[in-house]
Amino acid sequence: MIMKYYPIFLKLTNKRVLVVGGGKVALRKIEALLKCGAIVNIVAKYLDSRLKELISLGNISYLGENFRDQYLNQIFLVIAATNDADLNSDVSKCAKKRGIPVNEVDKPLDCDFILPSVINRGDLTIAISTSGQSPALAKKIRKDIAKKFGKEYKTYLVLLGYLRQEILKLGLPQEENSKIFKRIVDSEIYEALSIEDWKQIEITFHEILPQELDSGNLIKAFNQD
């Protein structure tokens, strides 16, 4: 089976993105873009009150009411999110002529990329897509999965990243590192962390980690950070 879309995570830090549209849909897209560090420019005849606030704070740049081809200069991505289908189509065509990936809201077949339903737990990102067939189903699946991956996963992932760096410093063979990492994620560290049972975490560290690493000192250093 051929997939319609290639799953990918883009680094948007300091990348310029143009959003055409100023309603609730555009607001949701812009808030997500800002979280990723994008530099957002907006064109819209109508502006949601929250977007007006973001403009006044200097978080996004307002270019005016009417879309112009020149607004695509140095743009990395484009999102056409107005309630005017013809305008969205014009924006999409102009972007494609320049080779700029474009998302035309509610027209997945004309999009170069689509935006999934997302769960964020710190550095853990889970994206769900139905390839545009049913955003409602993607939203339902997101809610179901979110129940399994609680807010504790944010701290859990930070802890895993911290342990990984400390283990890699030992210069062990890659195969041995892989075994240790697998034992860590297969352990009950998450369950202990969810109830802040650091004593159990220390015991688990002692059972799994190389002798060169002091479990108690690792936990102290982690909590101090």
Protein backbone atom coordinates (compact mmCIF):
# COMPACT_ATOMS: atom_id res chain seq x y z
CA MET A 1 0.00 0.00 0.00
CA ILE A 2 1.31 3.46 -0.94
CA MET A 3 1.02 6.10 1.78
CA LYS A 4 -0.51 9.42 0.77
CA TYR A 5 1.83 11.38 3.01
CA TYR A 6 5.37 10.95 4.27
CA PRO A 7 5.37 11.39 8.07
CA ILE A 8 7.91 14.03 9.04
CA PHE A 9 8.69 16.47 11.86
CA LEU A 10 9.94 19.86 10.68
CA LYS A 11 12.21 22.19 12.62
CA LEU A 12 10.57 25.61 12.27
CA THR A 13 12.73 27.63 14.64
CA ASN A 14 13.31 31.04 12.99
CA LYS A 15 11.63 29.85 9.79
CA ARG A 16 9.20 32.30 8.16
CA VAL A 17 5.64 31.08 7.75
CA LEU A 18 2.80 32.93 6.05
CA VAL A 19 -0.76 32.36 7.28
CA VAL A 20 -3.60 33.79 5.21
CA GLY A 21 -6.75 34.03 7.33
CA GLY A 22 -7.60 35.46 10.72
CA GLY A 23 -10.35 33.30 12.21
CA LYS A 24 -10.37 30.52 14.79
CA VAL A 25 -8.78 28.01 12.42
CA ALA A 26 -5.93 30.37 11.60
CA LEU A 27 -5.49 31.11 15.31
CA ARG A 28 -5.04 27.42 16.12
CA LYS A 29 -2.46 27.04 13.37
CA ILE A 30 -0.58 30.15 14.47
CA GLU A 31 -0.48 29.18 18.13
CA ALA A 32 1.03 25.82 17.15
CA LEU A 33 3.56 27.52 14.87
CA LEU A 34 4.64 29.91 17.62
CA LYS A 35 5.23 26.99 19.98
CA CYS A 36 7.67 25.66 17.38
CA GLY A 37 9.57 28.94 17.21
CA ALA A 38 8.36 29.97 13.76
CA ILE A 39 8.35 33.59 12.59
CA VAL A 40 4.72 34.11 11.61
CA ASN A 41 3.36 36.65 9.12
CA ILE A 42 -0.39 36.98 8.71
CA VAL A 43 -2.67 38.39 6.03
CA ALA A 44 -6.37 38.73 6.86
CA LYS A 45 -9.36 41.00 6.41
CA TYR A 46 -10.84 39.81 9.71
CA LEU A 47 -8.76 39.19 12.83
CA ASP A 48 -9.76 37.16 15.86
CA SER A 49 -9.33 39.15 19.08
CA ARG A 50 -6.53 36.83 20.22
CA LEU A 51 -4.69 37.41 16.94
CA LYS A 52 -5.00 41.17 17.45
CA GLU A 53 -3.40 40.68 20.84
CA LEU A 54 -0.55 38.61 19.39
CA ILE A 55 0.06 41.33 16.80
CA SER A 56 0.07 44.09 19.43
CA LEU A 57 2.56 42.08 21.49
CA GLY A 58 4.83 41.69 18.47
CA ASN A 59 4.52 37.89 18.45
CA ILE A 60 3.31 37.87 14.83
CA SER A 61 3.53 40.37 11.97
CA TYR A 62 0.40 41.70 10.28
CA LEU A 63 1.00 42.38 6.55
CA GLY A 64 -2.44 43.71 5.67
CA GLU A 65 -5.90 42.70 4.52
CA ASN A 66 -5.14 41.52 0.99
CA PHE A 67 -2.79 38.75 -0.09
CA ARG A 68 0.03 39.75 -2.44
CA ASP A 69 2.46 37.44 -4.20
CA GLN A 70 5.39 39.43 -2.80
CA TYR A 71 4.43 38.29 0.70
CA LEU A 72 5.81 34.89 -0.26
CA ASN A 73 9.37 36.20 -0.45
CA GLN A 74 11.65 34.21 1.91
CA ILE A 75 8.71 32.17 3.19
CA PHE A 76 9.33 28.54 4.25
CA LEU A 77 5.71 27.35 4.60
CA VAL A 78 2.27 28.69 3.73
CA ILE A 79 -1.10 28.00 5.34
CA ALA A 80 -4.24 29.21 3.56
CA ALA A 81 -6.94 29.29 6.23
CA THR A 82 -9.66 31.71 5.15
CA ASN A 83 -13.36 30.96 4.63
CA ASP A 84 -12.96 32.03 1.00
CA ALA A 85 -12.28 28.91 -1.10
CA ASP A 86 -11.21 30.95 -4.15
CA LEU A 87 -8.71 32.98 -2.12
CA ASN A 88 -7.30 29.84 -0.52
CA SER A 89 -6.88 28.35 -3.99
CA ASP A 90 -5.11 31.48 -5.29
CA VAL A 91 -2.72 31.47 -2.34
CA SER A 92 -2.02 27.77 -2.90
CA LYS A 93 -1.30 28.24 -6.60
CA CYS A 94 1.08 31.14 -5.95
CA ALA A 95 2.95 29.17 -3.29
CA LYS A 96 3.28 26.11 -5.52
CA LYS A 97 4.68 28.20 -8.38
CA ARG A 98 7.49 29.18 -6.05
CA GLY A 99 7.99 25.65 -4.76
CA ILE A 100 6.80 26.57 -1.25
CA PRO A 101 4.91 23.80 0.60
CA VAL A 102 1.33 24.89 1.25
CA ASN A 103 -1.55 23.68 3.38
CA GLU A 104 -4.95 24.67 2.02
CA VAL A 105 -7.38 24.19 4.88
CA ASP A 106 -10.19 21.68 4.25
CA LYS A 107 -8.76 20.66 0.85
CA PRO A 108 -6.31 17.85 1.68
CA LEU A 109 -6.03 16.74 -1.94
CA ASP A 110 -4.58 20.14 -2.88
CA CYS A 111 -2.17 20.28 0.08
CA ASP A 112 1.56 19.63 -0.03
CA PHE A 113 1.31 18.79 3.66
CA ILE A 114 -1.44 18.27 6.19
CA LEU A 115 -1.42 18.94 9.93
CA PRO A 116 -2.02 15.98 12.24
CA SER A 117 -3.84 15.88 15.55
CA VAL A 118 -1.09 16.18 18.15
CA ILE A 119 -0.37 15.19 21.74
CA ASN A 120 2.50 17.01 23.46
CA ARG A 121 4.18 15.90 26.66
CA GLY A 122 7.31 18.03 26.72
CA ASP A 123 9.67 16.55 24.13
CA LEU A 124 7.29 13.67 23.51
CA THR A 125 5.14 14.37 20.47
CA ILE A 126 2.53 11.92 19.21
CA ALA A 127 0.93 12.81 15.88
CA ILE A 128 -2.23 11.16 14.55
CA SER A 129 -3.38 11.49 10.96
CA THR A 130 -6.17 9.98 8.90
CA SER A 131 -4.66 11.47 5.71
CA GLY A 132 -7.48 14.01 5.66
CA GLN A 133 -10.21 11.37 5.52
CA SER A 134 -11.65 12.07 8.97
CA PRO A 135 -10.18 14.80 11.22
CA ALA A 136 -12.95 13.94 13.70
CA LEU A 137 -11.61 10.39 14.04
CA ALA A 138 -8.05 11.69 14.43
CA LYS A 139 -9.29 13.93 17.25
CA LYS A 140 -11.06 11.01 18.95
CA ILE A 141 -7.96 8.82 18.71
CA ARG A 142 -5.87 11.67 20.13
CA LYS A 143 -8.16 11.92 23.16
CA ASP A 144 -8.01 8.16 23.70
CA ILE A 145 -4.21 8.07 23.48
CA ALA A 146 -3.84 11.15 25.70
CA LYS A 147 -5.39 9.19 28.57
CA LYS A 148 -2.54 6.67 28.38
CA PHE A 149 0.26 9.21 28.11
CA GLY A 150 -0.19 11.51 31.12
CA LYS A 151 1.64 14.73 31.95
CA GLU A 152 4.21 12.70 33.89
CA TYR A 153 5.71 11.68 30.55
CA LYS A 154 7.24 15.15 30.26
CA THR A 155 9.43 14.54 33.34
CA TYR A 156 9.91 10.90 32.41
CA LEU A 157 11.38 11.77 29.03
CA VAL A 158 13.68 14.39 30.57
CA LEU A 159 14.88 11.73 33.00
CA LEU A 160 15.48 9.25 30.18
CA GLY A 161 17.45 11.85 28.25
CA TYR A 162 19.53 12.63 31.34
CA LEU A 163 20.30 8.94 31.93
CA ARG A 164 21.21 8.45 28.29
CA GLN A 165 23.80 11.21 28.40
CA GLU A 166 25.34 9.88 31.63
CA ILE A 167 25.53 6.35 30.22
CA LEU A 168 27.06 7.50 26.93
CA LYS A 169 29.81 9.30 28.85
CA LEU A 170 31.08 5.90 30.01
CA GLY A 171 32.11 4.99 26.47
CA LEU A 172 30.60 1.52 26.58
CA PRO A 173 30.10 -0.55 23.39
CA GLN A 174 26.97 0.39 21.45
CA GLU A 175 25.46 -3.06 21.91
CA GLU A 176 25.81 -2.80 25.69
CA ASN A 177 24.30 0.70 25.68
CA SER A 178 21.32 -0.56 23.70
CA LYS A 179 20.68 -3.33 26.25
CA ILE A 180 20.81 -0.84 29.13
CA PHE A 181 18.47 1.62 27.40
CA LYS A 182 15.98 -1.19 26.70
CA ARG A 183 16.07 -2.36 30.32
CA ILE A 184 15.42 1.20 31.48
CA VAL A 185 12.31 1.73 29.33
CA ASP A 186 11.06 -1.80 30.14
CA SER A 187 11.41 -1.16 33.89
CA GLU A 188 8.83 0.35 36.25
CA ILE A 189 10.60 3.71 36.48
CA TYR A 190 7.62 5.53 34.94
CA GLU A 191 5.17 4.03 37.43
CA ALA A 192 7.44 5.04 40.32
CA LEU A 193 7.93 8.51 38.88
CA SER A 194 4.18 9.03 38.51
CA ILE A 195 3.83 8.73 42.30
CA GLU A 196 7.20 10.40 43.01
CA ASP A 197 8.64 7.26 44.59
CA TRP A 198 12.29 8.23 44.24
CA LYS A 199 13.41 5.45 46.60
CA GLN A 200 12.05 2.84 44.18
CA ILE A 201 13.63 4.71 41.27
CA GLU A 202 17.00 4.60 43.06
CA ILE A 203 16.62 0.85 43.61
CA THR A 204 15.78 0.33 39.93
CA PHE A 205 18.74 2.46 38.86
CA HIS A 206 21.02 0.34 41.05
CA GLU A 207 19.73 -2.86 39.44
CA ILE A 208 20.08 -1.66 35.84
CA LEU A 209 22.82 0.95 35.55
CA PRO A 210 26.56 0.21 35.30
CA GLN A 211 28.44 0.23 38.62
CA GLU A 212 30.34 3.34 37.58
CA LEU A 213 27.13 5.36 38.02
CA ASP A 214 26.00 6.12 41.57
CA SER A 215 22.19 5.91 41.66
CA GLY A 216 21.76 8.26 44.61
CA ASN A 217 24.02 10.94 43.12
CA LEU A 218 22.26 10.67 39.76
CA ILE A 219 18.87 11.35 41.37
CA LYS A 220 20.22 14.26 43.42
CA ALA A 221 21.81 15.84 40.36
CA PHE A 222 18.64 15.35 38.30
CA ASN A 223 16.37 16.91 40.92
CA GLN A 224 18.71 19.85 41.38
CA ASP A 225 18.47 20.64 37.67
